[in-house]
């Protein structure tokens, strides 16, 4: 793994803000946080969550009761790109939650950082995934 920057990477604060705004159902802030590029992609935890459509990308910011709680984001910087990793807790509307893993890539656009890629996953032992996928097919 790359060494952590001696100063706090902007991407760490960005991810904390992303979580705060998503958790507050602040759909108005979505355009300030996510790139409008056609290359923007978010991969979620569920089968089929390979999202490029802007309305579907915005959905998390509009969903009542969904919260994302950062744990300890680590960020890295290199020129016009920043990236972050974390293990946030993903809260669902029924008050259940999943411990997740996230990676995100930010690109500087109009002097602001915006998400161009995010991947959220759940750590599950390989043998359990194999059994689940057999049931789904």
N, C-alpha and C. Protein backbone atom coordinates (compact mmCIF):
# COMPACT_ATOMS: atom_id res chain seq x y z
N UNK A 1 0.85 -1.18 0.00
CA UNK A 1 0.00 0.00 0.00
C UNK A 1 0.89 1.23 0.00
N UNK A 2 0.41 2.27 -0.65
CA UNK A 2 1.16 3.52 -0.69
C UNK A 2 1.19 4.15 0.69
N UNK A 3 2.28 4.81 1.04
CA UNK A 3 2.33 5.46 2.34
C UNK A 3 1.33 6.60 2.41
N UNK A 4 0.79 6.81 3.57
CA UNK A 4 -0.17 7.89 3.78
C UNK A 4 0.55 9.23 3.70
N UNK A 5 -0.11 10.18 3.11
CA UNK A 5 0.45 11.52 3.05
C UNK A 5 0.66 12.06 4.46
N UNK A 6 1.73 12.82 4.69
CA UNK A 6 1.95 13.38 6.02
C UNK A 6 0.87 14.39 6.40
N UNK A 7 0.23 15.00 5.42
CA UNK A 7 -0.89 15.90 5.71
C UNK A 7 -2.18 15.21 5.26
N UNK A 8 -3.28 15.63 5.82
CA UNK A 8 -4.57 15.01 5.52
C UNK A 8 -4.92 15.24 4.05
N UNK A 9 -5.11 14.17 3.33
CA UNK A 9 -5.48 14.28 1.92
C UNK A 9 -6.89 14.86 1.80
N UNK A 10 -7.08 15.69 0.79
CA UNK A 10 -8.39 16.29 0.57
C UNK A 10 -9.46 15.23 0.36
N UNK A 11 -9.07 14.09 -0.20
CA UNK A 11 -10.05 13.04 -0.48
C UNK A 11 -10.63 12.45 0.80
N UNK A 12 -9.89 12.46 1.90
CA UNK A 12 -10.43 11.97 3.17
C UNK A 12 -11.58 12.85 3.63
N UNK A 13 -11.37 14.15 3.60
CA UNK A 13 -12.42 15.10 3.99
C UNK A 13 -13.59 15.03 3.00
N UNK A 14 -13.27 14.83 1.73
CA UNK A 14 -14.32 14.71 0.73
C UNK A 14 -15.24 13.54 1.04
N UNK A 15 -14.65 12.37 1.34
CA UNK A 15 -15.48 11.20 1.62
C UNK A 15 -16.33 11.40 2.86
N UNK A 16 -15.78 12.05 3.87
CA UNK A 16 -16.58 12.35 5.06
C UNK A 16 -17.76 13.25 4.71
N UNK A 17 -17.53 14.22 3.83
CA UNK A 17 -18.62 15.11 3.40
C UNK A 17 -19.64 14.32 2.58
N UNK A 18 -19.17 13.44 1.68
CA UNK A 18 -20.07 12.59 0.89
C UNK A 18 -21.01 11.82 1.82
N UNK A 19 -20.45 11.19 2.84
CA UNK A 19 -21.24 10.42 3.80
C UNK A 19 -22.24 11.30 4.53
N UNK A 20 -21.79 12.47 4.94
CA UNK A 20 -22.65 13.41 5.67
C UNK A 20 -23.83 13.85 4.81
N UNK A 21 -23.58 14.22 3.57
CA UNK A 21 -24.63 14.70 2.67
C UNK A 21 -25.58 13.58 2.27
N UNK A 22 -25.05 12.38 2.00
CA UNK A 22 -25.90 11.23 1.67
C UNK A 22 -26.79 10.90 2.86
N UNK A 23 -26.22 10.88 4.05
CA UNK A 23 -26.97 10.54 5.27
C UNK A 23 -28.04 11.57 5.59
N UNK A 24 -27.85 12.80 5.14
CA UNK A 24 -28.82 13.87 5.37
C UNK A 24 -29.86 13.95 4.26
N UNK A 25 -29.82 13.00 3.32
CA UNK A 25 -30.72 13.02 2.16
C UNK A 25 -30.64 14.34 1.40
N UNK A 26 -29.45 14.86 1.28
CA UNK A 26 -29.23 16.16 0.65
C UNK A 26 -28.99 15.98 -0.86
N UNK A 27 -30.07 15.69 -1.59
CA UNK A 27 -29.97 15.47 -3.03
C UNK A 27 -29.45 16.71 -3.75
N UNK A 28 -29.68 17.89 -3.19
CA UNK A 28 -29.22 19.13 -3.82
C UNK A 28 -27.70 19.20 -3.89
N UNK A 29 -27.01 18.51 -2.99
CA UNK A 29 -25.54 18.56 -2.99
C UNK A 29 -24.92 17.55 -3.95
N UNK A 30 -25.72 16.65 -4.49
CA UNK A 30 -25.19 15.58 -5.33
C UNK A 30 -24.37 16.12 -6.50
N UNK A 31 -24.88 17.11 -7.21
CA UNK A 31 -24.18 17.63 -8.38
C UNK A 31 -22.85 18.30 -8.02
N UNK A 32 -22.73 18.76 -6.79
CA UNK A 32 -21.46 19.34 -6.34
C UNK A 32 -20.43 18.26 -6.00
N UNK A 33 -20.89 17.03 -5.80
CA UNK A 33 -20.01 15.96 -5.34
C UNK A 33 -19.69 14.91 -6.41
N UNK A 34 -20.56 14.75 -7.39
CA UNK A 34 -20.39 13.70 -8.40
C UNK A 34 -20.17 14.31 -9.78
N UNK A 35 -19.21 13.78 -10.48
CA UNK A 35 -18.91 14.25 -11.83
C UNK A 35 -20.09 13.98 -12.75
N UNK A 36 -20.32 14.88 -13.70
CA UNK A 36 -21.36 14.70 -14.70
C UNK A 36 -20.81 13.94 -15.92
N UNK A 37 -19.57 13.52 -15.86
CA UNK A 37 -18.95 12.79 -16.96
C UNK A 37 -19.70 11.49 -17.24
N UNK A 38 -19.80 11.14 -18.51
CA UNK A 38 -20.45 9.88 -18.87
C UNK A 38 -19.63 8.67 -18.39
N UNK A 39 -18.39 8.90 -17.99
CA UNK A 39 -17.54 7.83 -17.48
C UNK A 39 -17.77 7.55 -15.99
N UNK A 40 -18.56 8.38 -15.31
CA UNK A 40 -18.79 8.19 -13.88
C UNK A 40 -19.50 6.86 -13.64
N UNK A 41 -18.98 6.10 -12.68
CA UNK A 41 -19.49 4.76 -12.40
C UNK A 41 -19.44 4.49 -10.91
N UNK A 42 -20.54 3.98 -10.36
CA UNK A 42 -20.58 3.51 -8.99
C UNK A 42 -20.99 2.04 -9.03
N UNK A 43 -20.18 1.20 -8.38
CA UNK A 43 -20.48 -0.22 -8.27
C UNK A 43 -20.88 -0.48 -6.83
N UNK A 44 -22.09 -0.99 -6.64
CA UNK A 44 -22.61 -1.23 -5.30
C UNK A 44 -22.45 -2.67 -4.87
N UNK A 45 -23.06 -2.99 -3.74
CA UNK A 45 -22.91 -4.31 -3.13
C UNK A 45 -23.84 -5.36 -3.73
N UNK A 46 -24.94 -4.96 -4.32
CA UNK A 46 -25.92 -5.93 -4.82
C UNK A 46 -25.63 -6.32 -6.27
N UNK A 47 -26.04 -7.52 -6.65
CA UNK A 47 -25.91 -7.92 -8.05
C UNK A 47 -26.62 -6.88 -8.93
N UNK A 48 -26.00 -6.50 -10.01
CA UNK A 48 -26.61 -5.54 -10.92
C UNK A 48 -26.37 -4.08 -10.57
N UNK A 49 -25.74 -3.80 -9.45
CA UNK A 49 -25.47 -2.40 -9.09
C UNK A 49 -24.18 -1.95 -9.78
N UNK A 50 -24.30 -1.67 -11.04
CA UNK A 50 -23.25 -1.16 -11.90
C UNK A 50 -23.89 0.08 -12.50
N UNK A 51 -23.73 1.22 -11.85
CA UNK A 51 -24.58 2.38 -12.11
C UNK A 51 -23.82 3.50 -12.80
N UNK A 52 -24.34 3.90 -13.96
CA UNK A 52 -23.78 5.03 -14.70
C UNK A 52 -24.84 6.11 -14.95
N UNK A 53 -26.12 5.77 -14.83
CA UNK A 53 -27.19 6.72 -15.10
C UNK A 53 -27.30 7.72 -13.96
N UNK A 54 -27.31 8.98 -14.30
CA UNK A 54 -27.28 10.05 -13.30
C UNK A 54 -28.41 9.94 -12.27
N UNK A 55 -29.64 9.66 -12.72
CA UNK A 55 -30.76 9.56 -11.78
C UNK A 55 -30.55 8.42 -10.79
N UNK A 56 -30.00 7.30 -11.25
CA UNK A 56 -29.73 6.18 -10.35
C UNK A 56 -28.57 6.49 -9.42
N UNK A 57 -27.57 7.23 -9.92
CA UNK A 57 -26.45 7.63 -9.06
C UNK A 57 -26.94 8.51 -7.92
N UNK A 58 -27.88 9.39 -8.22
CA UNK A 58 -28.41 10.33 -7.23
C UNK A 58 -29.31 9.65 -6.20
N UNK A 59 -29.83 8.47 -6.51
CA UNK A 59 -30.83 7.82 -5.67
C UNK A 59 -30.42 7.70 -4.20
N UNK A 60 -29.17 7.35 -3.92
CA UNK A 60 -28.74 7.21 -2.53
C UNK A 60 -28.92 8.48 -1.72
N UNK A 61 -28.80 9.63 -2.39
CA UNK A 61 -28.95 10.91 -1.71
C UNK A 61 -30.43 11.23 -1.46
N UNK A 62 -31.32 10.52 -2.13
CA UNK A 62 -32.75 10.76 -2.00
C UNK A 62 -33.45 9.73 -1.12
N UNK A 63 -32.80 8.61 -0.85
CA UNK A 63 -33.43 7.50 -0.13
C UNK A 63 -33.51 7.80 1.37
N UNK A 64 -34.71 7.79 1.89
CA UNK A 64 -34.92 8.02 3.32
C UNK A 64 -34.35 6.88 4.14
N UNK A 65 -33.68 7.20 5.22
CA UNK A 65 -33.20 6.18 6.15
C UNK A 65 -31.89 5.52 5.78
N UNK A 66 -31.31 5.89 4.65
CA UNK A 66 -30.01 5.34 4.26
C UNK A 66 -28.93 6.26 4.81
N UNK A 67 -27.95 5.65 5.49
CA UNK A 67 -26.85 6.44 6.02
C UNK A 67 -25.54 5.71 5.75
N UNK A 68 -24.49 6.48 5.60
CA UNK A 68 -23.16 5.94 5.40
C UNK A 68 -22.27 6.59 6.45
N UNK A 69 -21.70 5.77 7.32
CA UNK A 69 -20.90 6.26 8.45
C UNK A 69 -19.43 5.92 8.22
N UNK A 70 -18.60 6.93 7.93
CA UNK A 70 -17.18 6.65 7.69
C UNK A 70 -16.51 6.09 8.94
N UNK A 71 -15.49 5.28 8.73
CA UNK A 71 -14.77 4.70 9.85
C UNK A 71 -13.44 5.43 10.04
N UNK A 72 -12.58 5.34 9.06
CA UNK A 72 -11.26 5.96 9.14
C UNK A 72 -10.70 6.13 7.73
N UNK A 73 -11.27 7.07 6.96
CA UNK A 73 -10.84 7.19 5.57
C UNK A 73 -9.36 7.52 5.44
N UNK A 74 -8.76 6.93 4.43
CA UNK A 74 -7.37 7.24 4.07
C UNK A 74 -7.38 7.71 2.64
N UNK A 75 -6.69 8.80 2.39
CA UNK A 75 -6.69 9.38 1.06
C UNK A 75 -5.30 9.57 0.52
N UNK A 76 -5.24 9.66 -0.78
CA UNK A 76 -3.98 9.81 -1.50
C UNK A 76 -4.18 10.82 -2.61
N UNK A 77 -3.12 11.55 -2.92
CA UNK A 77 -3.21 12.62 -3.91
C UNK A 77 -2.13 12.46 -4.95
N UNK A 78 -2.51 12.76 -6.19
CA UNK A 78 -1.51 12.81 -7.26
C UNK A 78 -2.06 13.67 -8.39
N UNK A 79 -1.65 14.91 -8.43
CA UNK A 79 -2.07 15.81 -9.50
C UNK A 79 -3.57 16.06 -9.50
N UNK A 80 -4.20 15.82 -10.66
CA UNK A 80 -5.63 16.09 -10.84
C UNK A 80 -6.51 14.95 -10.34
N UNK A 81 -5.89 13.90 -9.75
CA UNK A 81 -6.66 12.77 -9.22
C UNK A 81 -6.37 12.57 -7.74
N UNK A 82 -7.39 12.28 -6.98
CA UNK A 82 -7.28 11.86 -5.58
C UNK A 82 -8.03 10.54 -5.48
N UNK A 83 -7.70 9.75 -4.50
CA UNK A 83 -8.46 8.54 -4.25
C UNK A 83 -8.49 8.27 -2.77
N UNK A 84 -9.51 7.53 -2.35
CA UNK A 84 -9.68 7.24 -0.93
C UNK A 84 -10.12 5.79 -0.77
N UNK A 85 -9.90 5.30 0.44
CA UNK A 85 -10.36 3.97 0.85
C UNK A 85 -10.92 4.10 2.27
N UNK A 86 -11.88 3.27 2.60
CA UNK A 86 -12.43 3.27 3.95
C UNK A 86 -13.24 1.98 4.15
N UNK A 87 -13.68 1.79 5.38
CA UNK A 87 -14.55 0.67 5.76
C UNK A 87 -15.78 1.23 6.47
N UNK A 88 -16.64 1.92 5.72
CA UNK A 88 -17.79 2.56 6.35
C UNK A 88 -18.89 1.57 6.71
N UNK A 89 -19.72 2.00 7.63
CA UNK A 89 -20.92 1.24 8.00
C UNK A 89 -22.07 1.79 7.15
N UNK A 90 -22.77 0.90 6.44
CA UNK A 90 -23.87 1.28 5.57
C UNK A 90 -25.17 0.93 6.28
N UNK A 91 -25.91 1.97 6.72
CA UNK A 91 -27.16 1.79 7.46
C UNK A 91 -28.34 1.77 6.48
N UNK A 92 -29.24 0.83 6.67
CA UNK A 92 -30.42 0.69 5.83
C UNK A 92 -31.65 1.25 6.54
N UNK A 93 -32.73 1.54 5.80
CA UNK A 93 -33.91 2.15 6.41
C UNK A 93 -34.53 1.35 7.56
N UNK A 94 -34.34 0.02 7.58
CA UNK A 94 -34.94 -0.79 8.66
C UNK A 94 -34.04 -0.84 9.90
N UNK A 95 -33.03 0.02 9.96
CA UNK A 95 -32.07 0.13 11.06
C UNK A 95 -31.03 -0.99 11.09
N UNK A 96 -31.03 -1.87 10.09
CA UNK A 96 -29.96 -2.85 9.99
C UNK A 96 -28.77 -2.14 9.32
N UNK A 97 -27.62 -2.80 9.33
CA UNK A 97 -26.46 -2.19 8.68
C UNK A 97 -25.53 -3.28 8.16
N UNK A 98 -24.66 -2.87 7.25
CA UNK A 98 -23.62 -3.73 6.70
C UNK A 98 -22.29 -3.04 6.91
N UNK A 99 -21.29 -3.78 7.32
CA UNK A 99 -19.93 -3.26 7.35
C UNK A 99 -19.40 -3.41 5.93
N UNK A 100 -18.98 -2.32 5.32
CA UNK A 100 -18.58 -2.36 3.91
C UNK A 100 -17.14 -1.90 3.73
N UNK A 101 -16.70 -2.00 2.50
CA UNK A 101 -15.41 -1.46 2.08
C UNK A 101 -15.68 -0.56 0.88
N UNK A 102 -14.94 0.52 0.77
CA UNK A 102 -15.16 1.43 -0.34
C UNK A 102 -13.82 1.94 -0.86
N UNK A 103 -13.77 2.08 -2.17
CA UNK A 103 -12.68 2.81 -2.82
C UNK A 103 -13.34 3.86 -3.70
N UNK A 104 -12.72 4.99 -3.81
CA UNK A 104 -13.27 6.04 -4.65
C UNK A 104 -12.16 6.81 -5.34
N UNK A 105 -12.47 7.28 -6.54
CA UNK A 105 -11.55 8.08 -7.33
C UNK A 105 -12.20 9.43 -7.57
N UNK A 106 -11.45 10.48 -7.29
CA UNK A 106 -11.92 11.85 -7.48
C UNK A 106 -11.11 12.52 -8.57
N UNK A 107 -11.77 13.39 -9.33
CA UNK A 107 -11.07 14.17 -10.35
C UNK A 107 -11.40 15.63 -10.10
N UNK A 108 -10.39 16.47 -10.27
CA UNK A 108 -10.61 17.91 -10.09
C UNK A 108 -11.33 18.45 -11.33
N UNK A 109 -12.50 19.05 -11.09
CA UNK A 109 -13.32 19.65 -12.14
C UNK A 109 -13.74 21.03 -11.67
N UNK A 110 -13.46 22.03 -12.46
CA UNK A 110 -13.82 23.41 -12.09
C UNK A 110 -13.35 23.74 -10.68
N UNK A 111 -12.12 23.35 -10.38
CA UNK A 111 -11.47 23.63 -9.10
C UNK A 111 -12.15 22.98 -7.90
N UNK A 112 -12.90 21.88 -8.13
CA UNK A 112 -13.51 21.10 -7.05
C UNK A 112 -13.26 19.63 -7.31
N UNK A 113 -13.23 18.87 -6.23
CA UNK A 113 -13.10 17.41 -6.36
C UNK A 113 -14.49 16.82 -6.56
N UNK A 114 -14.59 15.87 -7.52
CA UNK A 114 -15.85 15.18 -7.77
C UNK A 114 -15.58 13.70 -7.99
N UNK A 115 -16.51 12.88 -7.54
CA UNK A 115 -16.39 11.43 -7.72
C UNK A 115 -16.56 11.08 -9.19
N UNK A 116 -15.61 10.29 -9.70
CA UNK A 116 -15.76 9.71 -11.03
C UNK A 116 -15.91 8.19 -10.95
N UNK A 117 -15.50 7.63 -9.82
CA UNK A 117 -15.67 6.19 -9.63
C UNK A 117 -15.73 5.88 -8.13
N UNK A 118 -16.64 4.97 -7.77
CA UNK A 118 -16.73 4.49 -6.40
C UNK A 118 -17.14 3.02 -6.46
N UNK A 119 -16.53 2.22 -5.62
CA UNK A 119 -16.87 0.80 -5.54
C UNK A 119 -17.06 0.45 -4.06
N UNK A 120 -18.26 -0.03 -3.74
CA UNK A 120 -18.60 -0.43 -2.38
C UNK A 120 -18.78 -1.94 -2.38
N UNK A 121 -18.13 -2.61 -1.45
CA UNK A 121 -18.25 -4.07 -1.39
C UNK A 121 -18.39 -4.52 0.06
N UNK A 122 -18.75 -5.78 0.20
CA UNK A 122 -18.87 -6.40 1.51
C UNK A 122 -17.91 -7.58 1.53
N UNK A 123 -17.08 -7.64 2.55
CA UNK A 123 -16.13 -8.76 2.66
C UNK A 123 -16.87 -10.03 3.08
N UNK A 124 -16.91 -10.99 2.20
CA UNK A 124 -17.56 -12.28 2.46
C UNK A 124 -16.58 -13.37 2.07
N UNK A 125 -16.44 -14.41 2.89
CA UNK A 125 -15.53 -15.50 2.53
C UNK A 125 -15.88 -16.09 1.16
N UNK A 126 -14.86 -16.38 0.36
CA UNK A 126 -15.05 -16.87 -1.00
C UNK A 126 -15.98 -18.06 -1.07
N UNK A 127 -15.83 -19.02 -0.17
CA UNK A 127 -16.66 -20.23 -0.22
C UNK A 127 -18.14 -19.90 0.01
N UNK A 128 -18.43 -18.87 0.79
CA UNK A 128 -19.82 -18.47 0.99
C UNK A 128 -20.38 -17.80 -0.26
N UNK A 129 -19.55 -17.02 -0.93
CA UNK A 129 -19.98 -16.37 -2.18
C UNK A 129 -20.31 -17.43 -3.22
N UNK A 130 -19.47 -18.44 -3.33
CA UNK A 130 -19.71 -19.52 -4.30
C UNK A 130 -21.07 -20.16 -4.05
N UNK A 131 -21.37 -20.46 -2.80
CA UNK A 131 -22.65 -21.09 -2.46
C UNK A 131 -23.83 -20.15 -2.75
N UNK A 132 -23.70 -18.88 -2.43
CA UNK A 132 -24.76 -17.91 -2.71
C UNK A 132 -25.00 -17.80 -4.21
N UNK A 133 -23.94 -17.71 -4.97
CA UNK A 133 -24.11 -17.57 -6.43
C UNK A 133 -24.73 -18.81 -7.05
N UNK A 134 -24.49 -19.97 -6.48
CA UNK A 134 -25.15 -21.19 -6.97
C UNK A 134 -26.65 -21.07 -6.74
N UNK A 135 -27.07 -20.53 -5.61
CA UNK A 135 -28.50 -20.38 -5.32
C UNK A 135 -29.15 -19.34 -6.23
N UNK A 136 -28.40 -18.31 -6.62
CA UNK A 136 -28.95 -17.24 -7.44
C UNK A 136 -29.10 -17.62 -8.90
N UNK A 137 -28.34 -18.61 -9.36
CA UNK A 137 -28.39 -18.92 -10.80
C UNK A 137 -29.44 -19.95 -11.14
